[in-house]
Amino acid sequence: MGKPKLKKLHIRQEWCKGCGICVHFCPEKVLELDDKDKAFAARPQDCICCKLCELRCPDLAIEVETEDES
């Protein structure tokens, strides 16, 4: 079984409160906060699908969808 490949990084900005936890935990620095303090994927091509952002987000605003999921 190979490494999971990112299909889509869903960030519900209306749910995001801008705490920055996802930015802090991302090992590849994929996520950043925009000028409104909302998370966005600045470098989605660097995502390794570890799902730390999804697991740590207290607002459930992030979902990492991989190609092997339906």
PDB file of N, CA and C in Angstrom:
ATOM      1  N   MET A   1       0.836  -1.175   0.000  1.00  0.00           N
ATOM      2  CA  MET A   1       0.000   0.000   0.000  1.00  0.00           C
ATOM      3  C   MET A   1       0.885   1.243   0.000  1.00  0.00           C
ATOM      4  N   GLY A   2       0.629   2.145  -0.937  1.00  0.00           N
ATOM      5  CA  GLY A   2       1.423   3.354  -1.062  1.00  0.00           C
ATOM      6  C   GLY A   2       0.923   4.465  -0.155  1.00  0.00           C
ATOM      7  N   LYS A   3       1.621   5.561  -0.234  1.00  0.00           N
ATOM      8  CA  LYS A   3       1.232   6.731   0.555  1.00  0.00           C
ATOM      9  C   LYS A   3      -0.064   7.304  -0.002  1.00  0.00           C
ATOM     10  N   PRO A   4      -0.927   7.798   0.871  1.00  0.00           N
ATOM     11  CA  PRO A   4      -2.173   8.412   0.375  1.00  0.00           C
ATOM     12  C   PRO A   4      -1.865   9.682  -0.413  1.00  0.00           C
ATOM     13  N   LYS A   5      -2.653   9.926  -1.422  1.00  0.00           N
ATOM     14  CA  LYS A   5      -2.481  11.109  -2.252  1.00  0.00           C
ATOM     15  C   LYS A   5      -3.677  12.027  -2.034  1.00  0.00           C
ATOM     16  N   LEU A   6      -3.390  13.314  -1.886  1.00  0.00           N
ATOM     17  CA  LEU A   6      -4.440  14.283  -1.636  1.00  0.00           C
ATOM     18  C   LEU A   6      -5.357  14.423  -2.837  1.00  0.00           C
ATOM     19  N   LYS A   7      -6.648  14.291  -2.577  1.00  0.00           N
ATOM     20  CA  LYS A   7      -7.650  14.553  -3.598  1.00  0.00           C
ATOM     21  C   LYS A   7      -8.176  15.977  -3.427  1.00  0.00           C
ATOM     22  N   LYS A   8      -8.538  16.328  -2.193  1.00  0.00           N
ATOM     23  CA  LYS A   8      -9.073  17.665  -1.917  1.00  0.00           C
ATOM     24  C   LYS A   8      -8.895  17.979  -0.442  1.00  0.00           C
ATOM     25  N   LEU A   9      -8.497  19.194  -0.169  1.00  0.00           N
ATOM     26  CA  LEU A   9      -8.403  19.686   1.195  1.00  0.00           C
ATOM     27  C   LEU A   9      -9.560  20.654   1.405  1.00  0.00           C
ATOM     28  N   HIS A  10     -10.577  20.198   2.127  1.00  0.00           N
ATOM     29  CA  HIS A  10     -11.786  21.001   2.352  1.00  0.00           C
ATOM     30  C   HIS A  10     -11.588  21.840   3.612  1.00  0.00           C
ATOM     31  N   ILE A  11     -11.689  23.147   3.488  1.00  0.00           N
ATOM     32  CA  ILE A  11     -11.623  24.041   4.638  1.00  0.00           C
ATOM     33  C   ILE A  11     -12.882  24.890   4.634  1.00  0.00           C
ATOM     34  N   ARG A  12     -13.717  24.687   5.628  1.00  0.00           N
ATOM     35  CA  ARG A  12     -14.958  25.455   5.756  1.00  0.00           C
ATOM     36  C   ARG A  12     -14.635  26.750   6.496  1.00  0.00           C
ATOM     37  N   GLN A  13     -14.353  27.786   5.732  1.00  0.00           N
ATOM     38  CA  GLN A  13     -13.917  29.037   6.334  1.00  0.00           C
ATOM     39  C   GLN A  13     -14.983  29.656   7.230  1.00  0.00           C
ATOM     40  N   GLU A  14     -16.251  29.374   6.964  1.00  0.00           N
ATOM     41  CA  GLU A  14     -17.309  29.920   7.813  1.00  0.00           C
ATOM     42  C   GLU A  14     -17.302  29.283   9.203  1.00  0.00           C
ATOM     43  N   TRP A  15     -16.678  28.111   9.346  1.00  0.00           N
ATOM     44  CA  TRP A  15     -16.565  27.449  10.639  1.00  0.00           C
ATOM     45  C   TRP A  15     -15.264  27.813  11.354  1.00  0.00           C
ATOM     46  N   CYS A  16     -14.273  28.237  10.608  1.00  0.00           N
ATOM     47  CA  CYS A  16     -12.937  28.508  11.147  1.00  0.00           C
ATOM     48  C   CYS A  16     -12.958  29.765  12.022  1.00  0.00           C
ATOM     49  N   LYS A  17     -12.389  29.647  13.230  1.00  0.00           N
ATOM     50  CA  LYS A  17     -12.309  30.809  14.114  1.00  0.00           C
ATOM     51  C   LYS A  17     -10.910  31.415  14.127  1.00  0.00           C
ATOM     52  N   GLY A  18     -10.006  30.861  13.325  1.00  0.00           N
ATOM     53  CA  GLY A  18      -8.670  31.435  13.186  1.00  0.00           C
ATOM     54  C   GLY A  18      -7.742  31.179  14.352  1.00  0.00           C
ATOM     55  N   CYS A  19      -7.893  30.060  15.022  1.00  0.00           N
ATOM     56  CA  CYS A  19      -7.051  29.763  16.186  1.00  0.00           C
ATOM     57  C   CYS A  19      -5.610  29.430  15.802  1.00  0.00           C
ATOM     58  N   GLY A  20      -5.401  28.940  14.578  1.00  0.00           N
ATOM     59  CA  GLY A  20      -4.056  28.628  14.101  1.00  0.00           C
ATOM     60  C   GLY A  20      -3.515  27.273  14.511  1.00  0.00           C
ATOM     61  N   ILE A  21      -4.333  26.461  15.155  1.00  0.00           N
ATOM     62  CA  ILE A  21      -3.875  25.135  15.577  1.00  0.00           C
ATOM     63  C   ILE A  21      -3.466  24.294  14.372  1.00  0.00           C
ATOM     64  N   CYS A  22      -4.257  24.329  13.316  1.00  0.00           N
ATOM     65  CA  CYS A  22      -3.943  23.549  12.111  1.00  0.00           C
ATOM     66  C   CYS A  22      -2.617  24.005  11.493  1.00  0.00           C
ATOM     67  N   VAL A  23      -2.387  25.305  11.482  1.00  0.00           N
ATOM     68  CA  VAL A  23      -1.148  25.858  10.937  1.00  0.00           C
ATOM     69  C   VAL A  23       0.041  25.365  11.762  1.00  0.00           C
ATOM     70  N   HIS A  24      -0.111  25.380  13.066  1.00  0.00           N
ATOM     71  CA  HIS A  24       0.957  24.959  13.967  1.00  0.00           C
ATOM     72  C   HIS A  24       1.312  23.476  13.806  1.00  0.00           C
ATOM     73  N   PHE A  25       0.303  22.627  13.662  1.00  0.00           N
ATOM     74  CA  PHE A  25       0.544  21.186  13.623  1.00  0.00           C
ATOM     75  C   PHE A  25       0.929  20.646  12.246  1.00  0.00           C
ATOM     76  N   CYS A  26       0.724  21.398  11.186  1.00  0.00           N
ATOM     77  CA  CYS A  26       1.043  20.896   9.840  1.00  0.00           C
ATOM     78  C   CYS A  26       2.549  20.736   9.674  1.00  0.00           C
ATOM     79  N   PRO A  27       3.033  19.494   9.482  1.00  0.00           N
ATOM     80  CA  PRO A  27       4.478  19.280   9.380  1.00  0.00           C
ATOM     81  C   PRO A  27       5.088  19.818   8.085  1.00  0.00           C
ATOM     82  N   GLU A  28       4.272  20.023   7.071  1.00  0.00           N
ATOM     83  CA  GLU A  28       4.786  20.489   5.771  1.00  0.00           C
ATOM     84  C   GLU A  28       4.466  21.966   5.499  1.00  0.00           C
ATOM     85  N   LYS A  29       3.908  22.648   6.473  1.00  0.00           N
ATOM     86  CA  LYS A  29       3.578  24.081   6.357  1.00  0.00           C
ATOM     87  C   LYS A  29       2.663  24.358   5.163  1.00  0.00           C
ATOM     88  N   VAL A  30       1.674  23.486   4.974  1.00  0.00           N
ATOM     89  CA  VAL A  30       0.706  23.621   3.884  1.00  0.00           C
ATOM     90  C   VAL A  30      -0.287  24.740   4.184  1.00  0.00           C
ATOM     91  N   LEU A  31      -0.658  24.857   5.450  1.00  0.00           N
ATOM     92  CA  LEU A  31      -1.714  25.788   5.842  1.00  0.00           C
ATOM     93  C   LEU A  31      -1.157  27.110   6.358  1.00  0.00           C
ATOM     94  N   GLU A  32      -1.925  28.161   6.101  1.00  0.00           N
ATOM     95  CA  GLU A  32      -1.623  29.494   6.617  1.00  0.00           C
ATOM     96  C   GLU A  32      -2.940  30.164   6.983  1.00  0.00           C
ATOM     97  N   LEU A  33      -2.859  31.260   7.711  1.00  0.00           N
ATOM     98  CA  LEU A  33      -4.034  32.069   7.999  1.00  0.00           C
ATOM     99  C   LEU A  33      -4.041  33.248   7.037  1.00  0.00           C
ATOM    100  N   ASP A  34      -5.222  33.561   6.493  1.00  0.00           N
ATOM    101  CA  ASP A  34      -5.324  34.678   5.554  1.00  0.00           C
ATOM    102  C   ASP A  34      -5.473  36.000   6.322  1.00  0.00           C
ATOM    103  N   ASP A  35      -5.728  37.078   5.622  1.00  0.00           N
ATOM    104  CA  ASP A  35      -5.838  38.393   6.249  1.00  0.00           C
ATOM    105  C   ASP A  35      -7.064  38.528   7.154  1.00  0.00           C
ATOM    106  N   LYS A  36      -7.988  37.573   7.075  1.00  0.00           N
ATOM    107  CA  LYS A  36      -9.159  37.554   7.957  1.00  0.00           C
ATOM    108  C   LYS A  36      -9.009  36.498   9.053  1.00  0.00           C
ATOM    109  N   ASP A  37      -7.786  35.986   9.216  1.00  0.00           N
ATOM    110  CA  ASP A  37      -7.482  34.933  10.188  1.00  0.00           C
ATOM    111  C   ASP A  37      -8.303  33.669   9.970  1.00  0.00           C
ATOM    112  N   LYS A  38      -8.449  33.292   8.721  1.00  0.00           N
ATOM    113  CA  LYS A  38      -9.109  32.042   8.359  1.00  0.00           C
ATOM    114  C   LYS A  38      -8.073  31.138   7.699  1.00  0.00           C
ATOM    115  N   ALA A  39      -8.121  29.852   8.007  1.00  0.00           N
ATOM    116  CA  ALA A  39      -7.166  28.902   7.448  1.00  0.00           C
ATOM    117  C   ALA A  39      -7.398  28.713   5.950  1.00  0.00           C
ATOM    118  N   PHE A  40      -6.299  28.573   5.225  1.00  0.00           N
ATOM    119  CA  PHE A  40      -6.384  28.217   3.803  1.00  0.00           C
ATOM    120  C   PHE A  40      -5.146  27.407   3.444  1.00  0.00           C
ATOM    121  N   ALA A  41      -5.266  26.645   2.360  1.00  0.00           N
ATOM    122  CA  ALA A  41      -4.161  25.801   1.898  1.00  0.00           C
ATOM    123  C   ALA A  41      -3.267  26.623   0.979  1.00  0.00           C
ATOM    124  N   ALA A  42      -2.165  27.101   1.499  1.00  0.00           N
ATOM    125  CA  ALA A  42      -1.230  27.911   0.726  1.00  0.00           C
ATOM    126  C   ALA A  42      -0.408  27.044  -0.228  1.00  0.00           C
ATOM    127  N   ARG A  43      -0.121  25.808   0.199  1.00  0.00           N
ATOM    128  CA  ARG A  43       0.692  24.893  -0.608  1.00  0.00           C
ATOM    129  C   ARG A  43       0.093  23.484  -0.600  1.00  0.00           C
ATOM    130  N   PRO A  44      -1.095  23.294  -1.188  1.00  0.00           N
ATOM    131  CA  PRO A  44      -1.737  21.971  -1.139  1.00  0.00           C
ATOM    132  C   PRO A  44      -0.903  20.870  -1.793  1.00  0.00           C
ATOM    133  N   GLN A  45      -0.060  21.225  -2.737  1.00  0.00           N
ATOM    134  CA  GLN A  45       0.778  20.228  -3.407  1.00  0.00           C
ATOM    135  C   GLN A  45       1.788  19.588  -2.449  1.00  0.00           C
ATOM    136  N   ASP A  46       2.049  20.214  -1.315  1.00  0.00           N
ATOM    137  CA  ASP A  46       2.995  19.691  -0.335  1.00  0.00           C
ATOM    138  C   ASP A  46       2.335  18.818   0.730  1.00  0.00           C
ATOM    139  N   CYS A  47       1.009  18.696   0.700  1.00  0.00           N
ATOM    140  CA  CYS A  47       0.278  17.932   1.714  1.00  0.00           C
ATOM    141  C   CYS A  47       0.645  16.453   1.659  1.00  0.00           C
ATOM    142  N   ILE A  48       0.964  15.877   2.826  1.00  0.00           N
ATOM    143  CA  ILE A  48       1.304  14.451   2.908  1.00  0.00           C
ATOM    144  C   ILE A  48       0.140  13.629   3.486  1.00  0.00           C
ATOM    145  N   CYS A  49      -1.018  14.260   3.640  1.00  0.00           N
ATOM    146  CA  CYS A  49      -2.243  13.588   4.098  1.00  0.00           C
ATOM    147  C   CYS A  49      -2.094  12.942   5.473  1.00  0.00           C
ATOM    148  N   CYS A  50      -1.370  13.595   6.358  1.00  0.00           N
ATOM    149  CA  CYS A  50      -1.231  13.075   7.722  1.00  0.00           C
ATOM    150  C   CYS A  50      -2.495  13.296   8.540  1.00  0.00           C
ATOM    151  N   LYS A  51      -3.317  14.226   8.102  1.00  0.00           N
ATOM    152  CA  LYS A  51      -4.607  14.556   8.724  1.00  0.00           C
ATOM    153  C   LYS A  51      -4.489  15.157  10.121  1.00  0.00           C
ATOM    154  N   LEU A  52      -3.312  15.658  10.482  1.00  0.00           N
ATOM    155  CA  LEU A  52      -3.171  16.307  11.780  1.00  0.00           C
ATOM    156  C   LEU A  52      -4.049  17.547  11.866  1.00  0.00           C
ATOM    157  N   CYS A  53      -4.174  18.274  10.770  1.00  0.00           N
ATOM    158  CA  CYS A  53      -5.034  19.466  10.768  1.00  0.00           C
ATOM    159  C   CYS A  53      -6.483  19.078  11.040  1.00  0.00           C
ATOM    160  N   GLU A  54      -6.934  18.036  10.369  1.00  0.00           N
ATOM    161  CA  GLU A  54      -8.317  17.564  10.536  1.00  0.00           C
ATOM    162  C   GLU A  54      -8.556  17.079  11.965  1.00  0.00           C
ATOM    163  N   LEU A  55      -7.608  16.347  12.502  1.00  0.00           N
ATOM    164  CA  LEU A  55      -7.753  15.778  13.842  1.00  0.00           C
ATOM    165  C   LEU A  55      -7.679  16.826  14.945  1.00  0.00           C
ATOM    166  N   ARG A  56      -6.884  17.869  14.733  1.00  0.00           N
ATOM    167  CA  ARG A  56      -6.668  18.881  15.777  1.00  0.00           C
ATOM    168  C   ARG A  56      -7.618  20.066  15.711  1.00  0.00           C
ATOM    169  N   CYS A  57      -8.323  20.249  14.604  1.00  0.00           N
ATOM    170  CA  CYS A  57      -9.197  21.411  14.456  1.00  0.00           C
ATOM    171  C   CYS A  57     -10.359  21.330  15.446  1.00  0.00           C
ATOM    172  N   PRO A  58     -10.449  22.273  16.394  1.00  0.00           N
ATOM    173  CA  PRO A  58     -11.530  22.220  17.374  1.00  0.00           C
ATOM    174  C   PRO A  58     -12.897  22.578  16.785  1.00  0.00           C
ATOM    175  N   ASP A  59     -12.899  23.166  15.598  1.00  0.00           N
ATOM    176  CA  ASP A  59     -14.149  23.581  14.963  1.00  0.00           C
ATOM    177  C   ASP A  59     -14.637  22.613  13.891  1.00  0.00           C
ATOM    178  N   LEU A  60     -13.894  21.521  13.676  1.00  0.00           N
ATOM    179  CA  LEU A  60     -14.220  20.531  12.643  1.00  0.00           C
ATOM    180  C   LEU A  60     -14.341  21.180  11.269  1.00  0.00           C
ATOM    181  N   ALA A  61     -13.518  22.175  11.029  1.00  0.00           N
ATOM    182  CA  ALA A  61     -13.593  22.960   9.795  1.00  0.00           C
ATOM    183  C   ALA A  61     -12.746  22.391   8.661  1.00  0.00           C
ATOM    184  N   ILE A  62     -11.946  21.362   8.942  1.00  0.00           N
ATOM    185  CA  ILE A  62     -11.022  20.833   7.936  1.00  0.00           C
ATOM    186  C   ILE A  62     -11.301  19.359   7.695  1.00  0.00           C
ATOM    187  N   GLU A  63     -11.314  18.986   6.402  1.00  0.00           N
ATOM    188  CA  GLU A  63     -11.434  17.579   6.028  1.00  0.00           C
ATOM    189  C   GLU A  63     -10.413  17.307   4.931  1.00  0.00           C
ATOM    190  N   VAL A  64      -9.595  16.289   5.163  1.00  0.00           N
ATOM    191  CA  VAL A  64      -8.598  15.870   4.183  1.00  0.00           C
ATOM    192  C   VAL A  64      -9.161  14.674   3.432  1.00  0.00           C
ATOM    193  N   GLU A  65      -9.383  14.836   2.141  1.00  0.00           N
ATOM    194  CA  GLU A  65      -9.918  13.757   1.307  1.00  0.00           C
ATOM    195  C   GLU A  65      -8.782  13.194   0.464  1.00  0.00           C
ATOM    196  N   THR A  66      -8.559  11.891   0.577  1.00  0.00           N
ATOM    197  CA  THR A  66      -7.511  11.251  -0.206  1.00  0.00           C
ATOM    198  C   THR A  66      -8.103  10.495  -1.389  1.00  0.00           C
ATOM    199  N   GLU A  67      -7.266  10.173  -2.338  1.00  0.00           N
ATOM    200  CA  GLU A  67      -7.743   9.532  -3.575  1.00  0.00           C
ATOM    201  C   GLU A  67      -8.275   8.124  -3.351  1.00  0.00           C
ATOM    202  N   ASP A  68      -7.830   7.454  -2.297  1.00  0.00           N
ATOM    203  CA  ASP A  68      -8.303   6.084  -2.033  1.00  0.00           C
ATOM    204  C   ASP A  68      -9.652   6.066  -1.316  1.00  0.00           C
ATOM    205  N   GLU A  69     -10.150   7.239  -0.876  1.00  0.00           N
ATOM    206  CA  GLU A  69     -11.465   7.318  -0.232  1.00  0.00           C
ATOM    207  C   GLU A  69     -12.518   7.558  -1.305  1.00  0.00           C
ATOM    208  N   SER A  70     -13.736   7.178  -1.005  1.00  0.00           N
ATOM    209  CA  SER A  70     -14.818   7.441  -1.960  1.00  0.00           C
ATOM    210  C   SER A  70     -15.679   8.601  -1.524  1.00  0.00           C
TER     211      SER A  70
END
